[in-house]
PDB file of N, CA and C in Angstrom:
ATOM      1  N   MET A   1      38.062  13.769  11.590  1.00  0.00           N
ATOM      2  CA  MET A   1      37.493  12.485  11.574  1.00  0.00           C
ATOM      3  C   MET A   1      36.242  12.119  12.615  1.00  0.00           C
ATOM      4  N   ARG A   2      36.045  13.237  13.610  1.00  0.00           N
ATOM      5  CA  ARG A   2      35.157  13.121  14.386  1.00  0.00           C
ATOM      6  C   ARG A   2      33.615  13.641  13.646  1.00  0.00           C
ATOM      7  N   ARG A   3      33.865  14.428  12.989  1.00  0.00           N
ATOM      8  CA  ARG A   3      32.830  15.235  11.955  1.00  0.00           C
ATOM      9  C   ARG A   3      32.153  13.679  11.056  1.00  0.00           C
ATOM     10  N   PHE A   4      32.967  13.296  10.494  1.00  0.00           N
ATOM     11  CA  PHE A   4      33.082  12.205   9.335  1.00  0.00           C
ATOM     12  C   PHE A   4      32.384  11.086  10.185  1.00  0.00           C
ATOM     13  N   LEU A   5      32.636  10.431  11.544  1.00  0.00           N
ATOM     14  CA  LEU A   5      31.966   9.524  12.082  1.00  0.00           C
ATOM     15  C   LEU A   5      30.387  10.226  12.436  1.00  0.00           C
ATOM     16  N   PHE A   6      30.164  11.252  12.837  1.00  0.00           N
ATOM     17  CA  PHE A   6      28.794  11.727  12.833  1.00  0.00           C
ATOM     18  C   PHE A   6      28.159  11.834  11.824  1.00  0.00           C
ATOM     19  N   VAL A   7      28.531  12.282  10.617  1.00  0.00           N
ATOM     20  CA  VAL A   7      28.194  12.090   9.313  1.00  0.00           C
ATOM     21  C   VAL A   7      27.409  10.762   9.015  1.00  0.00           C
ATOM     22  N   LEU A   8      28.547   9.794   9.103  1.00  0.00           N
ATOM     23  CA  LEU A   8      28.321   8.601   8.925  1.00  0.00           C
ATOM     24  C   LEU A   8      27.002   7.957   9.842  1.00  0.00           C
ATOM     25  N   LEU A   9      27.034   8.365  10.918  1.00  0.00           N
ATOM     26  CA  LEU A   9      26.258   7.833  12.057  1.00  0.00           C
ATOM     27  C   LEU A   9      24.714   8.560  11.277  1.00  0.00           C
ATOM     28  N   GLY A  10      24.805   9.617  11.009  1.00  0.00           N
ATOM     29  CA  GLY A  10      23.542  10.235  10.625  1.00  0.00           C
ATOM     30  C   GLY A  10      22.664   9.424   9.508  1.00  0.00           C
ATOM     31  N   MET A  11      23.622   9.096   8.482  1.00  0.00           N
ATOM     32  CA  MET A  11      23.238   8.240   7.102  1.00  0.00           C
ATOM     33  C   MET A  11      22.776   6.912   7.562  1.00  0.00           C
ATOM     34  N   VAL A  12      23.444   6.375   8.645  1.00  0.00           N
ATOM     35  CA  VAL A  12      22.931   4.924   8.923  1.00  0.00           C
ATOM     36  C   VAL A  12      21.546   5.180   9.814  1.00  0.00           C
ATOM     37  N   VAL A  13      21.361   5.889  10.645  1.00  0.00           N
ATOM     38  CA  VAL A  13      20.175   6.181  10.972  1.00  0.00           C
ATOM     39  C   VAL A  13      18.883   6.370  10.170  1.00  0.00           C
ATOM     40  N   MET A  14      19.311   7.476   8.973  1.00  0.00           N
ATOM     41  CA  MET A  14      18.285   7.793   7.914  1.00  0.00           C
ATOM     42  C   MET A  14      18.072   6.419   7.345  1.00  0.00           C
ATOM     43  N   MET A  15      19.044   5.674   6.756  1.00  0.00           N
ATOM     44  CA  MET A  15      18.719   4.368   6.207  1.00  0.00           C
ATOM     45  C   MET A  15      17.850   3.443   6.827  1.00  0.00           C
ATOM     46  N   ILE A  16      18.376   3.393   8.019  1.00  0.00           N
ATOM     47  CA  ILE A  16      17.314   2.280   9.023  1.00  0.00           C
ATOM     48  C   ILE A  16      15.982   2.818   9.054  1.00  0.00           C
ATOM     49  N   GLY A  17      15.739   4.310   8.831  1.00  0.00           N
ATOM     50  CA  GLY A  17      14.712   4.758   9.209  1.00  0.00           C
ATOM     51  C   GLY A  17      13.743   4.478   7.957  1.00  0.00           C
ATOM     52  N   GLY A  18      14.588   4.685   6.752  1.00  0.00           N
ATOM     53  CA  GLY A  18      13.738   4.291   5.453  1.00  0.00           C
ATOM     54  C   GLY A  18      13.352   2.923   5.082  1.00  0.00           C
ATOM     55  N   CYS A  19      14.090   1.971   5.866  1.00  0.00           N
ATOM     56  CA  CYS A  19      13.835   0.650   5.500  1.00  0.00           C
ATOM     57  C   CYS A  19      12.770  -0.062   6.288  1.00  0.00           C
ATOM     58  N   GLN A  20      12.134   0.800   6.985  1.00  0.00           N
ATOM     59  CA  GLN A  20      10.733   0.418   7.839  1.00  0.00           C
ATOM     60  C   GLN A  20       9.852   0.050   6.689  1.00  0.00           C
ATOM     61  N   THR A  21       9.093  -0.967   7.041  1.00  0.00           N
ATOM     62  CA  THR A  21       7.909  -1.076   5.958  1.00  0.00           C
ATOM     63  C   THR A  21       6.728  -0.120   6.119  1.00  0.00           C
ATOM     64  N   ALA A  22       6.111   0.142   5.350  1.00  0.00           N
ATOM     65  CA  ALA A  22       4.713   1.045   5.608  1.00  0.00           C
ATOM     66  C   ALA A  22       3.620   0.045   6.561  1.00  0.00           C
ATOM     67  N   PRO A  23       2.847   0.367   7.224  1.00  0.00           N
ATOM     68  CA  PRO A  23       1.866  -0.127   7.975  1.00  0.00           C
ATOM     69  C   PRO A  23       0.931  -0.722   7.113  1.00  0.00           C
ATOM     70  N   VAL A  24       0.552  -1.901   7.339  1.00  0.00           N
ATOM     71  CA  VAL A  24      -0.558  -2.768   6.697  1.00  0.00           C
ATOM     72  C   VAL A  24      -1.916  -2.721   7.492  1.00  0.00           C
ATOM     73  N   LYS A  25      -3.147  -2.741   6.692  1.00  0.00           N
ATOM     74  CA  LYS A  25      -4.104  -2.549   7.328  1.00  0.00           C
ATOM     75  C   LYS A  25      -4.751  -3.924   7.138  1.00  0.00           C
ATOM     76  N   HIS A  26      -5.972  -4.498   7.931  1.00  0.00           N
ATOM     77  CA  HIS A  26      -6.660  -5.511   7.789  1.00  0.00           C
ATOM     78  C   HIS A  26      -8.213  -5.326   7.654  1.00  0.00           C
ATOM     79  N   TYR A  27      -9.003  -5.987   6.905  1.00  0.00           N
ATOM     80  CA  TYR A  27     -10.282  -6.006   6.560  1.00  0.00           C
ATOM     81  C   TYR A  27     -10.580  -7.200   6.622  1.00  0.00           C
ATOM     82  N   ALA A  28     -11.982  -7.395   7.266  1.00  0.00           N
ATOM     83  CA  ALA A  28     -12.510  -8.676   7.313  1.00  0.00           C
ATOM     84  C   ALA A  28     -13.439  -8.470   6.076  1.00  0.00           C
ATOM     85  N   ILE A  29     -13.554  -9.550   5.348  1.00  0.00           N
ATOM     86  CA  ILE A  29     -14.129  -9.635   4.414  1.00  0.00           C
ATOM     87  C   ILE A  29     -15.274 -11.194   4.191  1.00  0.00           C
ATOM     88  N   GLN A  30     -16.399 -11.019   3.517  1.00  0.00           N
ATOM     89  CA  GLN A  30     -17.184 -12.029   3.228  1.00  0.00           C
ATOM     90  C   GLN A  30     -17.206 -12.146   1.824  1.00  0.00           C
ATOM     91  N   ALA A  31     -17.096 -13.432   1.463  1.00  0.00           N
ATOM     92  CA  ALA A  31     -17.273 -13.500  -0.090  1.00  0.00           C
ATOM     93  C   ALA A  31     -17.414 -15.016  -0.716  1.00  0.00           C
ATOM     94  N   GLU A  32     -17.882 -14.950  -2.254  1.00  0.00           N
ATOM     95  CA  GLU A  32     -18.290 -16.285  -2.629  1.00  0.00           C
ATOM     96  C   GLU A  32     -16.933 -16.661  -3.628  1.00  0.00           C
ATOM     97  N   VAL A  33     -16.503 -17.744  -3.487  1.00  0.00           N
ATOM     98  CA  VAL A  33     -15.332 -18.269  -4.377  1.00  0.00           C
ATOM     99  C   VAL A  33     -15.999 -18.485  -5.892  1.00  0.00           C
ATOM    100  N   ILE A  34     -15.255 -17.910  -6.830  1.00  0.00           N
ATOM    101  CA  ILE A  34     -15.362 -17.888  -8.192  1.00  0.00           C
ATOM    102  C   ILE A  34     -14.456 -18.738  -8.786  1.00  0.00           C
ATOM    103  N   SER A  35     -13.335 -18.875  -8.589  1.00  0.00           N
ATOM    104  CA  SER A  35     -12.312 -19.885  -8.921  1.00  0.00           C
ATOM    105  C   SER A  35     -11.334 -19.869  -8.207  1.00  0.00           C
ATOM    106  N   VAL A  36     -10.203 -20.951  -8.357  1.00  0.00           N
ATOM    107  CA  VAL A  36      -9.162 -21.118  -7.418  1.00  0.00           C
ATOM    108  C   VAL A  36      -8.075 -21.303  -8.321  1.00  0.00           C
ATOM    109  N   ASP A  37      -6.633 -21.046  -7.954  1.00  0.00           N
ATOM    110  CA  ASP A  37      -5.723 -21.620  -8.539  1.00  0.00           C
ATOM    111  C   ASP A  37      -4.507 -21.832  -7.745  1.00  0.00           C
ATOM    112  N   VAL A  38      -4.552 -22.967  -6.962  1.00  0.00           N
ATOM    113  CA  VAL A  38      -3.703 -23.167  -6.234  1.00  0.00           C
ATOM    114  C   VAL A  38      -2.334 -23.208  -6.546  1.00  0.00           C
ATOM    115  N   PRO A  39      -1.654 -23.549  -7.573  1.00  0.00           N
ATOM    116  CA  PRO A  39      -0.211 -23.510  -7.841  1.00  0.00           C
ATOM    117  C   PRO A  39       0.154 -21.831  -7.978  1.00  0.00           C
ATOM    118  N   LYS A  40      -0.633 -21.066  -8.492  1.00  0.00           N
ATOM    119  CA  LYS A  40      -0.372 -19.569  -8.345  1.00  0.00           C
ATOM    120  C   LYS A  40      -0.642 -19.145  -6.855  1.00  0.00           C
ATOM    121  N   LYS A  41      -1.311 -19.831  -6.209  1.00  0.00           N
ATOM    122  CA  LYS A  41      -1.639 -19.087  -4.842  1.00  0.00           C
ATOM    123  C   LYS A  41      -2.669 -17.899  -5.064  1.00  0.00           C
ATOM    124  N   MET A  42      -3.814 -18.108  -5.672  1.00  0.00           N
ATOM    125  CA  MET A  42      -4.752 -16.862  -6.377  1.00  0.00           C
ATOM    126  C   MET A  42      -6.058 -17.817  -5.891  1.00  0.00           C
ATOM    127  N   VAL A  43      -6.819 -16.673  -5.782  1.00  0.00           N
ATOM    128  CA  VAL A  43      -7.959 -17.059  -5.703  1.00  0.00           C
ATOM    129  C   VAL A  43      -9.118 -16.013  -6.292  1.00  0.00           C
ATOM    130  N   THR A  44     -10.292 -16.198  -6.959  1.00  0.00           N
ATOM    131  CA  THR A  44     -11.194 -15.075  -7.262  1.00  0.00           C
ATOM    132  C   THR A  44     -12.108 -15.149  -6.630  1.00  0.00           C
ATOM    133  N   VAL A  45     -12.393 -14.021  -5.996  1.00  0.00           N
ATOM    134  CA  VAL A  45     -13.794 -13.934  -5.065  1.00  0.00           C
ATOM    135  C   VAL A  45     -14.785 -12.719  -5.603  1.00  0.00           C
ATOM    136  N   LYS A  46     -15.993 -12.847  -5.010  1.00  0.00           N
ATOM    137  CA  LYS A  46     -16.944 -11.739  -5.140  1.00  0.00           C
ATOM    138  C   LYS A  46     -17.314 -11.439  -3.806  1.00  0.00           C
ATOM    139  N   HIS A  47     -16.825 -10.062  -3.698  1.00  0.00           N
ATOM    140  CA  HIS A  47     -17.071  -9.853  -2.289  1.00  0.00           C
ATOM    141  C   HIS A  47     -17.968  -8.375  -1.998  1.00  0.00           C
ATOM    142  N   GLY A  48     -18.696  -8.169  -0.993  1.00  0.00           N
ATOM    143  CA  GLY A  48     -19.248  -7.125  -0.577  1.00  0.00           C
ATOM    144  C   GLY A  48     -18.300  -5.848  -0.665  1.00  0.00           C
ATOM    145  N   GLU A  49     -19.129  -4.587  -0.378  1.00  0.00           N
ATOM    146  CA  GLU A  49     -18.202  -3.427  -0.182  1.00  0.00           C
ATOM    147  C   GLU A  49     -17.361  -3.845   1.030  1.00  0.00           C
ATOM    148  N   ILE A  50     -16.418  -3.068   0.974  1.00  0.00           N
ATOM    149  CA  ILE A  50     -15.404  -3.190   1.981  1.00  0.00           C
ATOM    150  C   ILE A  50     -15.141  -1.730   2.289  1.00  0.00           C
ATOM    151  N   PRO A  51     -15.850  -1.091   3.620  1.00  0.00           N
ATOM    152  CA  PRO A  51     -15.842   0.034   3.958  1.00  0.00           C
ATOM    153  C   PRO A  51     -14.537   0.610   4.100  1.00  0.00           C
ATOM    154  N   GLY A  52     -14.339   2.108   3.538  1.00  0.00           N
ATOM    155  CA  GLY A  52     -13.062   2.590   3.926  1.00  0.00           C
ATOM    156  C   GLY A  52     -11.999   1.819   2.777  1.00  0.00           C
ATOM    157  N   LEU A  53     -12.474   1.274   1.830  1.00  0.00           N
ATOM    158  CA  LEU A  53     -11.337   0.611   0.911  1.00  0.00           C
ATOM    159  C   LEU A  53     -11.728   0.540  -0.456  1.00  0.00           C
ATOM    160  N   MET A  54     -12.835  -0.281  -0.740  1.00  0.00           N
ATOM    161  CA  MET A  54     -13.498  -0.504  -2.053  1.00  0.00           C
ATOM    162  C   MET A  54     -14.936  -0.765  -1.957  1.00  0.00           C
ATOM    163  N   PRO A  55     -15.459  -0.564  -3.152  1.00  0.00           N
ATOM    164  CA  PRO A  55     -16.876  -1.055  -3.243  1.00  0.00           C
ATOM    165  C   PRO A  55     -16.822  -2.692  -3.759  1.00  0.00           C
ATOM    166  N   ALA A  56     -18.222  -3.225  -3.582  1.00  0.00           N
ATOM    167  CA  ALA A  56     -18.168  -4.427  -3.993  1.00  0.00           C
ATOM    168  C   ALA A  56     -17.848  -4.848  -5.311  1.00  0.00           C
ATOM    169  N   MET A  57     -17.104  -5.886  -5.265  1.00  0.00           N
ATOM    170  CA  MET A  57     -16.739  -6.431  -6.702  1.00  0.00           C
ATOM    171  C   MET A  57     -16.278  -8.020  -6.842  1.00  0.00           C
ATOM    172  N   THR A  58     -15.527  -8.268  -7.628  1.00  0.00           N
ATOM    173  CA  THR A  58     -14.848  -9.597  -8.211  1.00  0.00           C
ATOM    174  C   THR A  58     -13.815  -9.177  -8.338  1.00  0.00           C
ATOM    175  N   MET A  59     -12.878  -9.749  -7.701  1.00  0.00           N
ATOM    176  CA  MET A  59     -11.077  -9.615  -7.603  1.00  0.00           C
ATOM    177  C   MET A  59     -10.334 -11.006  -7.538  1.00  0.00           C
ATOM    178  N   ASN A  60      -9.383 -10.956  -8.038  1.00  0.00           N
ATOM    179  CA  ASN A  60      -8.354 -11.920  -7.706  1.00  0.00           C
ATOM    180  C   ASN A  60      -7.420 -11.445  -6.460  1.00  0.00           C
ATOM    181  N   TYR A  61      -7.194 -12.387  -5.491  1.00  0.00           N
ATOM    182  CA  TYR A  61      -6.129 -12.199  -4.438  1.00  0.00           C
ATOM    183  C   TYR A  61      -5.504 -13.233  -4.550  1.00  0.00           C
ATOM    184  N   LEU A  62      -4.159 -12.786  -4.201  1.00  0.00           N
ATOM    185  CA  LEU A  62      -2.995 -13.789  -3.555  1.00  0.00           C
ATOM    186  C   LEU A  62      -3.567 -14.193  -2.385  1.00  0.00           C
ATOM    187  N   VAL A  63      -3.112 -15.478  -2.093  1.00  0.00           N
ATOM    188  CA  VAL A  63      -3.180 -16.171  -0.460  1.00  0.00           C
ATOM    189  C   VAL A  63      -1.823 -16.302   0.081  1.00  0.00           C
ATOM    190  N   ALA A  64      -1.639 -15.985   1.321  1.00  0.00           N
ATOM    191  CA  ALA A  64      -0.724 -16.142   2.084  1.00  0.00           C
ATOM    192  C   ALA A  64      -0.083 -17.898   2.300  1.00  0.00           C
ATOM    193  N   ASP A  65      -1.358 -18.430   2.159  1.00  0.00           N
ATOM    194  CA  ASP A  65      -0.860 -19.620   2.425  1.00  0.00           C
ATOM    195  C   ASP A  65      -1.631 -20.670   1.254  1.00  0.00           C
ATOM    196  N   GLU A  66      -1.227 -21.278   0.342  1.00  0.00           N
ATOM    197  CA  GLU A  66      -1.978 -21.976  -0.500  1.00  0.00           C
ATOM    198  C   GLU A  66      -2.774 -23.230   0.045  1.00  0.00           C
ATOM    199  N   LYS A  67      -2.206 -23.765   1.075  1.00  0.00           N
ATOM    200  CA  LYS A  67      -3.165 -24.729   1.823  1.00  0.00           C
ATOM    201  C   LYS A  67      -4.297 -24.155   2.060  1.00  0.00           C
ATOM    202  N   GLN A  68      -4.934 -23.009   2.316  1.00  0.00           N
ATOM    203  CA  GLN A  68      -5.991 -22.629   2.881  1.00  0.00           C
ATOM    204  C   GLN A  68      -7.088 -22.606   1.764  1.00  0.00           C
ATOM    205  N   ILE A  69      -6.560 -22.782   0.397  1.00  0.00           N
ATOM    206  CA  ILE A  69      -7.557 -22.840  -0.420  1.00  0.00           C
ATOM    207  C   ILE A  69      -7.671 -23.972  -1.365  1.00  0.00           C
ATOM    208  N   GLU A  70      -6.812 -24.901  -1.079  1.00  0.00           N
ATOM    209  CA  GLU A  70      -6.872 -26.383  -1.763  1.00  0.00           C
ATOM    210  C   GLU A  70      -8.083 -27.097  -1.888  1.00  0.00           C
ATOM    211  N   ALA A  71      -9.314 -27.108  -1.023  1.00  0.00           N
ATOM    212  CA  ALA A  71     -10.290 -27.412  -0.878  1.00  0.00           C
ATOM    213  C   ALA A  71     -11.392 -26.751  -1.211  1.00  0.00           C
ATOM    214  N   LEU A  72     -11.311 -25.293  -1.231  1.00  0.00           N
ATOM    215  CA  LEU A  72     -12.202 -24.634  -1.795  1.00  0.00           C
ATOM    216  C   LEU A  72     -12.921 -24.935  -3.336  1.00  0.00           C
ATOM    217  N   LYS A  73     -13.988 -24.603  -3.518  1.00  0.00           N
ATOM    218  CA  LYS A  73     -14.537 -24.622  -4.949  1.00  0.00           C
ATOM    219  C   LYS A  73     -15.400 -23.521  -5.333  1.00  0.00           C
ATOM    220  N   PRO A  74     -15.724 -23.268  -6.636  1.00  0.00           N
ATOM    221  CA  PRO A  74     -16.571 -22.188  -6.759  1.00  0.00           C
ATOM    222  C   PRO A  74     -17.840 -22.411  -6.175  1.00  0.00           C
ATOM    223  N   GLY A  75     -18.322 -21.221  -5.743  1.00  0.00           N
ATOM    224  CA  GLY A  75     -19.748 -21.206  -5.043  1.00  0.00           C
ATOM    225  C   GLY A  75     -19.527 -21.201  -3.749  1.00  0.00           C
ATOM    226  N   ASP A  76     -18.355 -21.379  -2.985  1.00  0.00           N
ATOM    227  CA  ASP A  76     -18.375 -21.645  -1.518  1.00  0.00           C
ATOM    228  C   ASP A  76     -18.283 -20.320  -1.158  1.00  0.00           C
ATOM    229  N   LYS A  77     -18.856 -20.266   0.324  1.00  0.00           N
ATOM    230  CA  LYS A  77     -18.664 -18.985   0.766  1.00  0.00           C
ATOM    231  C   LYS A  77     -17.414 -18.693   1.866  1.00  0.00           C
ATOM    232  N   ILE A  78     -17.202 -17.918   1.792  1.00  0.00           N
ATOM    233  CA  ILE A  78     -15.552 -17.741   2.785  1.00  0.00           C
ATOM    234  C   ILE A  78     -15.818 -16.448   3.610  1.00  0.00           C
ATOM    235  N   SER A  79     -14.967 -16.407   4.503  1.00  0.00           N
ATOM    236  CA  SER A  79     -14.592 -14.911   5.395  1.00  0.00           C
ATOM    237  C   SER A  79     -12.962 -14.953   5.365  1.00  0.00           C
ATOM    238  N   ALA A  80     -12.508 -14.094   5.433  1.00  0.00           N
ATOM    239  CA  ALA A  80     -10.914 -13.952   5.215  1.00  0.00           C
ATOM    240  C   ALA A  80     -10.636 -12.676   5.937  1.00  0.00           C
ATOM    241  N   ASP A  81      -9.305 -12.460   6.048  1.00  0.00           N
ATOM    242  CA  ASP A  81      -8.745 -11.230   6.216  1.00  0.00           C
ATOM    243  C   ASP A  81      -7.923 -10.654   5.323  1.00  0.00           C
ATOM    244  N   LEU A  82      -8.352  -9.562   4.515  1.00  0.00           N
ATOM    245  CA  LEU A  82      -7.676  -8.958   3.508  1.00  0.00           C
ATOM    246  C   LEU A  82      -6.478  -7.853   4.476  1.00  0.00           C
ATOM    247  N   VAL A  83      -5.198  -8.447   3.964  1.00  0.00           N
ATOM    248  CA  VAL A  83      -4.030  -7.641   4.289  1.00  0.00           C
ATOM    249  C   VAL A  83      -3.806  -6.768   3.416  1.00  0.00           C
ATOM    250  N   VAL A  84      -3.634  -5.315   3.235  1.00  0.00           N
ATOM    251  CA  VAL A  84      -3.247  -4.409   2.628  1.00  0.00           C
ATOM    252  C   VAL A  84      -2.150  -3.620   2.928  1.00  0.00           C
ATOM    253  N   GLY A  85      -1.118  -3.685   2.009  1.00  0.00           N
ATOM    254  CA  GLY A  85      -0.105  -2.735   2.337  1.00  0.00           C
ATOM    255  C   GLY A  85       0.207  -1.622   1.500  1.00  0.00           C
ATOM    256  N   GLU A  86       1.350  -0.814   1.389  1.00  0.00           N
ATOM    257  CA  GLU A  86       1.448   0.136   0.228  1.00  0.00           C
ATOM    258  C   GLU A  86       1.292  -0.147  -0.979  1.00  0.00           C
ATOM    259  N   ASN A  87       1.638  -1.134  -1.630  1.00  0.00           N
ATOM    260  CA  ASN A  87       1.558  -2.025  -2.780  1.00  0.00           C
ATOM    261  C   ASN A  87       0.869  -3.224  -2.883  1.00  0.00           C
ATOM    262  N   VAL A  88       0.584  -3.915  -1.933  1.00  0.00           N
ATOM    263  CA  VAL A  88       0.402  -5.470  -2.199  1.00  0.00           C
ATOM    264  C   VAL A  88      -0.969  -5.784  -1.094  1.00  0.00           C
ATOM    265  N   GLY A  89      -1.552  -6.619  -1.429  1.00  0.00           N
ATOM    266  CA  GLY A  89      -2.504  -7.149  -0.879  1.00  0.00           C
ATOM    267  C   GLY A  89      -2.838  -8.869  -0.870  1.00  0.00           C
ATOM    268  N   HIS A  90      -3.098  -9.278   0.091  1.00  0.00           N
ATOM    269  CA  HIS A  90      -3.304 -10.849   0.253  1.00  0.00           C
ATOM    270  C   HIS A  90      -4.331 -11.079   1.245  1.00  0.00           C
ATOM    271  N   LEU A  91      -4.962 -12.431   0.798  1.00  0.00           N
ATOM    272  CA  LEU A  91      -5.834 -12.824   1.811  1.00  0.00           C
ATOM    273  C   LEU A  91      -5.309 -13.872   2.986  1.00  0.00           C
ATOM    274  N   GLU A  92      -5.430 -13.544   4.226  1.00  0.00           N
ATOM    275  CA  GLU A  92      -5.125 -14.644   5.372  1.00  0.00           C
ATOM    276  C   GLU A  92      -6.422 -15.081   6.140  1.00  0.00           C
ATOM    277  N   LYS A  93      -5.873 -16.042   6.620  1.00  0.00           N
ATOM    278  CA  LYS A  93      -6.992 -16.614   7.866  1.00  0.00           C
ATOM    279  C   LYS A  93      -8.713 -16.918   7.123  1.00  0.00           C
ATOM    280  N   ILE A  94      -8.354 -17.663   6.011  1.00  0.00           N
ATOM    281  CA  ILE A  94      -9.633 -18.123   4.983  1.00  0.00           C
ATOM    282  C   ILE A  94     -10.023 -19.145   5.861  1.00  0.00           C
ATOM    283  N   VAL A  95     -11.667 -18.748   6.000  1.00  0.00           N
ATOM    284  CA  VAL A  95     -12.462 -19.893   6.771  1.00  0.00           C
ATOM    285  C   VAL A  95     -13.763 -20.124   5.841  1.00  0.00           C
ATOM    286  N   LEU A  96     -13.925 -21.433   5.750  1.00  0.00           N
ATOM    287  CA  LEU A  96     -14.892 -22.002   4.796  1.00  0.00           C
ATOM    288  C   LEU A  96     -16.111 -21.834   5.717  1.00  0.00           C
ATOM    289  N   GLY A  97     -17.355 -21.038   5.266  1.00  0.00           N
ATOM    290  CA  GLY A  97     -18.454 -20.868   6.127  1.00  0.00           C
ATOM    291  C   GLY A  97     -19.379 -21.697   5.414  1.00  0.00           C
ATOM    292  N   GLU A  98     -19.752 -21.786   4.120  1.00  0.00           N
ATOM    293  CA  GLU A  98     -20.854 -22.691   3.569  1.00  0.00           C
ATOM    294  C   GLU A  98     -20.334 -23.006   2.228  1.00  0.00           C
ATOM    295  N   LYS A  99     -20.472 -24.520   2.284  1.00  0.00           N
ATOM    296  CA  LYS A  99     -19.922 -25.169   0.858  1.00  0.00           C
ATOM    297  C   LYS A  99     -20.948 -24.905  -0.212  1.00  0.00           C
ATOM    298  N   ALA A 100     -20.503 -24.962  -1.350  1.00  0.00           N
ATOM    299  CA  ALA A 100     -21.433 -24.689  -2.709  1.00  0.00           C
ATOM    300  C   ALA A 100     -22.430 -25.704  -2.567  1.00  0.00           C
ATOM    301  N   ALA A 101     -23.815 -25.496  -3.060  1.00  0.00           N
ATOM    302  CA  ALA A 101     -24.652 -26.402  -3.459  1.00  0.00           C
ATOM    303  C   ALA A 101     -23.995 -27.301  -4.455  1.00  0.00           C
ATOM    304  N   PRO A 102     -24.349 -28.667  -4.306  1.00  0.00           N
ATOM    305  CA  PRO A 102     -23.811 -29.659  -5.391  1.00  0.00           C
ATOM    306  C   PRO A 102     -24.673 -29.340  -6.471  1.00  0.00           C
ATOM    307  N   THR A 103     -24.018 -29.477  -7.580  1.00  0.00           N
ATOM    308  CA  THR A 103     -24.673 -29.375  -9.171  1.00  0.00           C
ATOM    309  C   THR A 103     -25.507 -30.603  -9.230  1.00  0.00           C
ATOM    310  N   PRO A 104     -26.711 -30.558  -9.308  1.00  0.00           N
ATOM    311  CA  PRO A 104     -27.495 -31.706  -9.552  1.00  0.00           C
ATOM    312  C   PRO A 104     -27.476 -32.336 -10.959  1.00  0.00           C
ATOM    313  N   VAL A 105     -27.198 -33.686 -10.816  1.00  0.00           N
ATOM    314  CA  VAL A 105     -26.824 -34.539 -12.073  1.00  0.00           C
ATOM    315  C   VAL A 105     -28.141 -34.728 -12.644  1.00  0.00           C
ATOM    316  N   PRO A 106     -28.327 -34.579 -14.145  1.00  0.00           N
ATOM    317  CA  PRO A 106     -29.472 -34.744 -14.637  1.00  0.00           C
ATOM    318  C   PRO A 106     -29.878 -36.131 -14.779  1.00  0.00           C
ATOM    319  N   LYS A 107     -31.280 -36.474 -14.845  1.00  0.00           N
ATOM    320  CA  LYS A 107     -31.757 -37.779 -14.540  1.00  0.00           C
ATOM    321  C   LYS A 107     -31.830 -38.109 -16.001  1.00  0.00           C
ATOM    322  N   ALA A 108     -31.445 -39.522 -16.213  1.00  0.00           N
ATOM    323  CA  ALA A 108     -31.461 -40.522 -17.655  1.00  0.00           C
ATOM    324  C   ALA A 108     -32.658 -40.441 -18.148  1.00  0.00           C
ATOM    325  N   SER A 109     -33.250 -39.833 -19.159  1.00  0.00           N
ATOM    326  CA  SER A 109     -34.665 -39.971 -19.615  1.00  0.00           C
ATOM    327  C   SER A 109     -35.019 -41.218 -20.214  1.00  0.00           C
ATOM    328  N   THR A 110     -36.103 -41.859 -19.952  1.00  0.00           N
ATOM    329  CA  THR A 110     -36.621 -43.202 -20.358  1.00  0.00           C
ATOM    330  C   THR A 110     -37.477 -42.970 -21.350  1.00  0.00           C
ATOM    331  N   THR A 111     -37.305 -43.681 -22.527  1.00  0.00           N
ATOM    332  CA  THR A 111     -38.543 -43.369 -23.336  1.00  0.00           C
ATOM    333  C   THR A 111     -38.878 -45.103 -23.950  1.00  0.00           C
ATOM    334  N   GLU A 112     -39.742 -45.117 -24.063  1.00  0.00           N
ATOM    335  CA  GLU A 112     -40.205 -46.716 -24.413  1.00  0.00           C
ATOM    336  C   GLU A 112     -41.257 -46.461 -25.452  1.00  0.00           C
TER     337      GLU A 112
END
């Protein structure tokens, strides 16, 4: 009986050890917003190289809190924290750095 309890205790310890999540890494990024999909909690951004992770590219990212992207528009410049785990990645701490330049409205032509 005692041996059974030790084996059971060892299995529990191994299970608890196996349940630990892999550590995540954080990368500061600077990016330009390409598109925003608030209902899907998704933003597409064009970012520069992220040293130690990936080259410059345009990519879709999930966001931790969709409220952080509600006011974003294409062309806005942002900074954010890219959180990368074993099989997941998302953006947090999104900060608007520069609003996109407004699109000029064409003037009506007047012909007489």
